[in-house]
Amino acid sequence: MILLKKNMGLTNKRISFILIMHFFSAFTYLYAQTKVDSILTKKKIQDIFSSHHLSFKIVPSIYNKSTVTGAQSPNKVEGTFSFGGEAGVDYYKNFNNNNSLVVGLNLGIAARRFAYTIPLTDLTNPPINSTKTRGDDYIPLSPLFYASIPVLYEHRWFKEKNGSFIQIGCNIKFPLNFGNETNSSFILSSDRVWYKFFSISEDWQQQFKPNFFISLGIGKIFLLKNNNLFKVHLSTQIATTNFIKANYQFTLPTQPLQNGTFNTNGSLVGLSFSYVLTNHRISNWQYLKKLKQKST
């Protein structure tokens, strides 16, 4: 009985030893495999950025308020934040896996609105045939269409398959709207006459000229299984001049003429999503085989 207990004790120790050795071997294998994958990823990233890239992007954006110059009394005038975005193609000239020159061609669209507030007593003289109880309103203006050419410097740093990057540079924009445009507001009096009390006009033909923007961005970059890249980043474009100018006028019967200028500078904050084609389509196994062939 004592001998049987001793044999069972030895057997349990052997089993424990074998399990520990198997666990150690598995851990060592996984650690070595992780190191190999890490080395392969670094080599692969170096190879990926040894060639030039092409990317497609979309940038949903919020555009800055337009500014108003002119009298703010008796009627208050202001711009509003607006929504829009850009889409386009970027070309990456990669100097190494950390630095690139980015040049692109984008098309953009931005909605615009013009807000005003008028003393209600001035809207009721002459008496009006309307259910209007407020003296404020929004005038939707034609969307701003434009083309842009970004020229950016990009710096990246990677941690395994993913990394971060910053961009800095300029963006040259051209408005694509043509012709003249006038928006007017009318109100119907009790004697069935329409009174024009507000108008805003734009002359697009005189404004087709380059406008310069300072561009800044920061974001993340991800190496996909097909060895292409996915990028997401927060970007801002800061205007150096006014992009579009419009002239407005109030012509209420109870007020003197009130004129001013409505300026749109086009500054924006956007969230950019980019898919980058790298022309690098081999797996880790194929890449390891390629490295071995190079070493022999």
Protein backbone atom coordinates (compact mmCIF):
# COMPACT_ATOMS: atom_id res chain seq x y z
CA MET A 1 0.00 0.00 0.00
CA ILE A 2 2.82 2.39 0.93
CA LEU A 3 4.66 1.48 -2.30
CA LEU A 4 1.49 2.15 -4.33
CA LYS A 5 1.13 5.59 -2.75
CA LYS A 6 4.77 6.39 -3.55
CA ASN A 7 4.29 5.35 -7.20
CA MET A 8 1.13 7.48 -7.46
CA GLY A 9 3.03 10.43 -6.00
CA LEU A 10 5.82 10.02 -8.55
CA THR A 11 3.26 9.72 -11.35
CA ASN A 12 1.51 12.93 -10.30
CA LYS A 13 4.87 14.74 -10.19
CA ARG A 14 5.74 13.48 -13.68
CA ILE A 15 2.37 14.60 -15.01
CA SER A 16 2.82 18.01 -13.42
CA PHE A 17 6.32 18.27 -14.86
CA ILE A 18 5.11 17.29 -18.33
CA LEU A 19 2.25 19.82 -18.18
CA ILE A 20 4.65 22.55 -17.07
CA MET A 21 7.04 21.71 -19.93
CA HIS A 22 4.19 21.75 -22.47
CA PHE A 23 2.97 25.09 -21.14
CA PHE A 24 6.51 26.50 -21.27
CA SER A 25 6.99 25.21 -24.83
CA ALA A 26 3.68 26.72 -25.96
CA PHE A 27 4.52 30.04 -24.31
CA THR A 28 7.98 30.06 -25.91
CA TYR A 29 6.49 29.28 -29.33
CA LEU A 30 3.87 32.01 -29.05
CA TYR A 31 6.49 34.51 -27.87
CA ALA A 32 8.82 33.59 -30.74
CA GLN A 33 5.94 33.76 -33.24
CA THR A 34 4.96 37.18 -31.91
CA LYS A 35 8.55 38.39 -32.29
CA VAL A 36 8.70 37.03 -35.84
CA ASP A 37 5.38 38.72 -36.71
CA SER A 38 6.65 41.97 -35.22
CA ILE A 39 9.86 41.83 -37.26
CA LEU A 40 7.93 40.93 -40.41
CA THR A 41 5.50 43.79 -39.84
CA LYS A 42 8.34 46.30 -39.46
CA LYS A 43 10.03 45.02 -42.61
CA LYS A 44 6.72 45.01 -44.46
CA ILE A 45 5.98 48.61 -43.46
CA GLN A 46 9.41 49.65 -44.71
CA ASP A 47 8.71 47.95 -48.03
CA ILE A 48 5.18 49.41 -48.26
CA PHE A 49 6.50 52.96 -47.95
CA SER A 50 9.34 52.37 -50.41
CA SER A 51 6.82 53.00 -53.21
CA HIS A 52 4.29 55.76 -53.88
CA HIS A 53 0.61 55.50 -52.93
CA LEU A 54 -2.80 56.61 -54.15
CA SER A 55 -5.70 57.18 -51.74
CA PHE A 56 -9.41 57.95 -51.93
CA LYS A 57 -11.01 60.01 -49.18
CA ILE A 58 -14.23 61.56 -47.93
CA VAL A 59 -14.34 64.37 -45.36
CA PRO A 60 -17.69 65.28 -43.68
CA SER A 61 -17.19 68.82 -42.36
CA ILE A 62 -18.63 71.70 -40.34
CA TYR A 63 -17.98 75.11 -41.88
CA ASN A 64 -17.38 78.29 -39.92
CA LYS A 65 -20.02 80.99 -39.54
CA SER A 66 -20.03 83.68 -42.19
CA THR A 67 -19.23 87.17 -40.91
CA VAL A 68 -21.22 90.34 -41.47
CA THR A 69 -19.91 93.88 -41.97
CA GLY A 70 -22.41 96.70 -41.83
CA ALA A 71 -24.97 98.23 -39.50
CA GLN A 72 -26.61 95.86 -37.01
CA SER A 73 -29.41 98.23 -36.13
CA PRO A 74 -32.37 98.26 -36.36
CA ASN A 75 -32.06 94.78 -37.96
CA LYS A 76 -29.64 92.15 -36.71
CA VAL A 77 -27.82 90.00 -39.27
CA GLU A 78 -25.63 86.93 -38.68
CA GLY A 79 -24.26 83.85 -40.37
CA THR A 80 -24.72 80.31 -39.09
CA PHE A 81 -22.57 77.18 -38.93
CA SER A 82 -23.19 74.94 -41.93
CA PHE A 83 -22.53 71.39 -43.03
CA GLY A 84 -20.87 69.96 -46.10
CA GLY A 85 -17.80 68.01 -47.03
CA GLU A 86 -15.10 67.08 -49.50
CA ALA A 87 -14.17 64.01 -51.52
CA GLY A 88 -11.16 63.37 -53.68
CA VAL A 89 -7.91 61.62 -54.51
CA ASP A 90 -4.48 62.08 -52.91
CA TYR A 91 -1.06 61.07 -54.24
CA TYR A 92 1.64 60.17 -51.69
CA LYS A 93 5.29 60.61 -52.57
CA ASN A 94 6.91 58.61 -49.76
CA PHE A 95 10.45 59.50 -48.75
CA ASN A 96 10.52 56.68 -46.16
CA ASN A 97 8.07 54.96 -43.81
CA ASN A 98 7.87 58.12 -41.66
CA ASN A 99 7.65 61.04 -44.09
CA SER A 100 5.64 61.83 -47.21
CA LEU A 101 4.60 64.68 -49.48
CA VAL A 102 0.85 64.57 -50.20
CA VAL A 103 -0.74 66.30 -53.21
CA GLY A 104 -4.42 65.91 -54.02
CA LEU A 105 -7.43 67.04 -56.00
CA ASN A 106 -10.73 67.40 -54.12
CA LEU A 107 -14.26 68.61 -54.79
CA GLY A 108 -16.26 70.21 -51.97
CA ILE A 109 -19.73 71.48 -51.17
CA ALA A 110 -20.89 73.67 -48.27
CA ALA A 111 -24.44 74.66 -47.40
CA ARG A 112 -24.97 78.29 -46.30
CA ARG A 113 -27.65 80.19 -44.42
CA PHE A 114 -28.18 83.87 -43.70
CA ALA A 115 -30.09 84.76 -40.51
CA TYR A 116 -31.74 88.06 -39.71
CA THR A 117 -33.91 89.53 -36.96
CA ILE A 118 -36.27 92.45 -37.62
CA PRO A 119 -38.35 94.36 -35.02
CA LEU A 120 -41.82 92.88 -35.31
CA THR A 121 -43.43 96.33 -35.31
CA ASP A 122 -41.60 97.15 -38.54
CA LEU A 123 -43.00 94.05 -40.19
CA THR A 124 -46.58 95.02 -39.31
CA ASN A 125 -46.50 98.47 -40.88
CA PRO A 126 -48.06 98.36 -43.39
CA PRO A 127 -50.43 95.78 -41.85
CA ILE A 128 -49.62 92.28 -43.09
CA ASN A 129 -51.80 89.39 -44.10
CA SER A 130 -49.72 86.73 -42.37
CA THR A 131 -49.64 84.41 -39.37
CA LYS A 132 -46.05 85.48 -38.69
CA THR A 133 -45.48 86.10 -34.97
CA ARG A 134 -41.71 86.35 -34.98
CA GLY A 135 -39.47 88.91 -36.60
CA ASP A 136 -36.64 86.52 -37.46
CA ASP A 137 -35.97 84.13 -40.31
CA TYR A 138 -33.32 82.18 -42.24
CA ILE A 139 -32.50 82.67 -45.91
CA PRO A 140 -30.97 79.53 -47.48
CA LEU A 141 -28.31 80.51 -50.01
CA SER A 142 -27.02 78.40 -52.88
CA PRO A 143 -24.49 75.79 -51.76
CA LEU A 144 -20.87 76.73 -52.27
CA PHE A 145 -19.18 74.37 -54.75
CA TYR A 146 -15.39 74.41 -54.98
CA ALA A 147 -12.30 72.52 -56.10
CA SER A 148 -9.21 72.29 -53.90
CA ILE A 149 -5.59 71.25 -54.25
CA PRO A 150 -4.03 70.21 -50.92
CA VAL A 151 -0.24 70.22 -50.61
CA LEU A 152 0.75 68.61 -47.31
CA TYR A 153 3.70 67.23 -45.39
CA GLU A 154 2.87 64.05 -43.43
CA HIS A 155 4.91 62.56 -40.59
CA ARG A 156 4.07 59.07 -39.27
CA TRP A 157 5.18 56.81 -36.46
CA PHE A 158 4.15 53.16 -36.11
CA LYS A 159 3.59 50.78 -33.21
CA GLU A 160 3.26 47.29 -34.68
CA LYS A 161 0.57 47.34 -37.40
CA ASN A 162 -1.03 50.64 -36.39
CA GLY A 163 0.37 54.12 -36.15
CA SER A 164 -0.33 57.81 -35.80
CA PHE A 165 0.39 60.76 -38.07
CA ILE A 166 0.26 64.52 -38.34
CA GLN A 167 -0.20 66.68 -41.42
CA ILE A 168 0.64 70.31 -42.06
CA GLY A 169 0.52 72.34 -45.24
CA CYS A 170 -1.76 74.47 -47.40
CA ASN A 171 -4.89 74.03 -49.47
CA ILE A 172 -5.61 76.08 -52.60
CA LYS A 173 -9.34 76.42 -53.36
CA PHE A 174 -11.32 77.71 -56.34
CA PRO A 175 -15.09 78.40 -56.18
CA LEU A 176 -17.03 76.66 -58.95
CA ASN A 177 -20.28 78.65 -58.79
CA PHE A 178 -20.94 80.84 -61.86
CA GLY A 179 -23.18 83.75 -62.78
CA ASN A 180 -25.11 86.14 -60.54
CA GLU A 181 -27.56 85.21 -57.83
CA THR A 182 -30.08 87.28 -55.87
CA ASN A 183 -32.31 86.05 -53.03
CA SER A 184 -35.18 88.23 -51.81
CA SER A 185 -37.81 88.08 -49.07
CA PHE A 186 -41.34 89.43 -49.53
CA ILE A 187 -44.27 89.94 -47.24
CA LEU A 188 -47.92 90.25 -48.21
CA SER A 189 -49.77 93.29 -46.89
CA SER A 190 -53.46 93.46 -46.09
CA ASP A 191 -54.06 95.37 -49.35
CA ARG A 192 -52.77 92.30 -51.28
CA VAL A 193 -49.47 93.90 -52.28
CA TRP A 194 -46.15 92.07 -51.98
CA TYR A 195 -43.45 94.19 -50.31
CA LYS A 196 -39.82 93.26 -50.77
CA PHE A 197 -38.13 93.98 -47.48
CA PHE A 198 -34.80 92.12 -47.90
CA SER A 199 -32.40 91.02 -50.67
CA ILE A 200 -28.92 89.50 -50.89
CA SER A 201 -26.89 89.28 -54.11
CA GLU A 202 -23.68 87.56 -55.18
CA ASP A 203 -21.56 87.98 -58.29
CA TRP A 204 -19.69 84.68 -58.70
CA GLN A 205 -17.89 85.60 -61.91
CA GLN A 206 -15.73 88.18 -60.15
CA GLN A 207 -14.66 85.71 -57.47
CA PHE A 208 -13.05 82.89 -59.46
CA LYS A 209 -9.60 83.21 -57.96
CA PRO A 210 -7.34 81.01 -55.78
CA ASN A 211 -7.88 81.18 -52.03
CA PHE A 212 -5.24 79.89 -49.64
CA PHE A 213 -5.97 77.88 -46.50
CA ILE A 214 -3.65 76.59 -43.78
CA SER A 215 -4.26 72.86 -43.25
CA LEU A 216 -3.57 70.91 -40.04
CA GLY A 217 -4.46 67.33 -39.14
CA ILE A 218 -3.82 64.52 -36.67
CA GLY A 219 -5.03 60.94 -36.81
CA LYS A 220 -4.54 57.18 -36.83
CA ILE A 221 -3.36 54.80 -39.54
CA PHE A 222 -4.13 51.07 -39.73
CA LEU A 223 -2.40 48.33 -41.74
CA LEU A 224 -5.10 46.07 -43.22
CA LYS A 225 -4.84 42.34 -43.98
CA ASN A 226 -4.53 43.07 -47.69
CA ASN A 227 -1.58 45.37 -46.88
CA ASN A 228 -3.48 48.50 -47.87
CA LEU A 229 -3.95 51.28 -45.31
CA PHE A 230 -6.99 52.84 -43.67
CA LYS A 231 -6.63 56.33 -42.21
CA VAL A 232 -8.94 58.42 -40.07
CA HIS A 233 -8.02 61.87 -38.82
CA LEU A 234 -9.36 65.15 -37.56
CA SER A 235 -8.48 68.00 -39.91
CA THR A 236 -8.95 71.75 -39.96
CA GLN A 237 -8.55 74.28 -42.75
CA ILE A 238 -8.05 77.90 -41.70
CA ALA A 239 -8.81 80.61 -44.24
CA THR A 240 -6.34 83.43 -44.86
CA THR A 241 -8.88 85.57 -46.79
CA ASN A 242 -12.62 85.71 -47.34
CA PHE A 243 -13.69 83.06 -49.83
CA ILE A 244 -17.01 84.53 -51.01
CA LYS A 245 -18.60 87.98 -50.53
CA ALA A 246 -22.25 88.94 -50.91
CA ASN A 247 -24.13 92.25 -50.52
CA TYR A 248 -27.41 92.52 -48.64
CA GLN A 249 -30.01 95.28 -48.21
CA PHE A 250 -33.11 95.87 -46.07
CA THR A 251 -35.86 97.95 -47.72
CA LEU A 252 -38.58 98.17 -45.08
CA PRO A 253 -41.03 101.09 -45.56
CA THR A 254 -40.61 102.15 -41.93
CA GLN A 255 -36.79 102.15 -41.97
CA PRO A 256 -33.95 103.84 -43.78
CA LEU A 257 -31.99 101.58 -46.14
CA GLN A 258 -29.64 99.22 -44.30
CA ASN A 259 -26.76 97.76 -46.34
CA GLY A 260 -23.92 95.41 -45.54
CA THR A 261 -21.61 92.63 -46.70
CA PHE A 262 -21.92 88.93 -45.95
CA ASN A 263 -18.49 87.21 -46.00
CA THR A 264 -17.89 83.47 -46.19
CA ASN A 265 -14.30 82.43 -45.46
CA GLY A 266 -14.74 78.65 -45.88
CA SER A 267 -12.80 77.61 -42.75
CA LEU A 268 -13.79 74.14 -41.62
CA VAL A 269 -13.27 71.26 -39.20
CA GLY A 270 -13.71 67.78 -40.69
CA LEU A 271 -13.29 64.08 -39.98
CA SER A 272 -11.39 62.49 -42.86
CA PHE A 273 -11.62 58.82 -43.88
CA SER A 274 -9.04 57.56 -46.40
CA TYR A 275 -8.38 54.22 -48.09
CA VAL A 276 -4.77 54.02 -49.32
CA LEU A 277 -3.72 51.65 -52.11
CA THR A 278 -0.16 50.44 -51.46
CA ASN A 279 0.34 47.91 -54.32
CA HIS A 280 1.80 45.57 -51.71
CA ARG A 281 -0.27 42.36 -51.70
CA ILE A 282 1.71 39.50 -50.13
CA SER A 283 0.97 37.65 -46.88
CA ASN A 284 3.32 37.26 -43.90
CA TRP A 285 4.11 33.69 -44.98
CA GLN A 286 4.98 34.84 -48.49
CA TYR A 287 6.94 37.73 -47.07
CA LEU A 288 8.97 35.40 -44.82
CA LYS A 289 9.73 33.23 -47.87
CA LYS A 290 10.78 36.36 -49.76
CA LEU A 291 13.15 37.41 -46.97
CA LYS A 292 14.73 33.93 -46.88
CA GLN A 293 15.27 34.05 -50.65
CA LYS A 294 16.99 37.42 -50.30
CA SER A 295 19.31 36.09 -47.59
CA THR A 296 20.43 33.06 -49.68
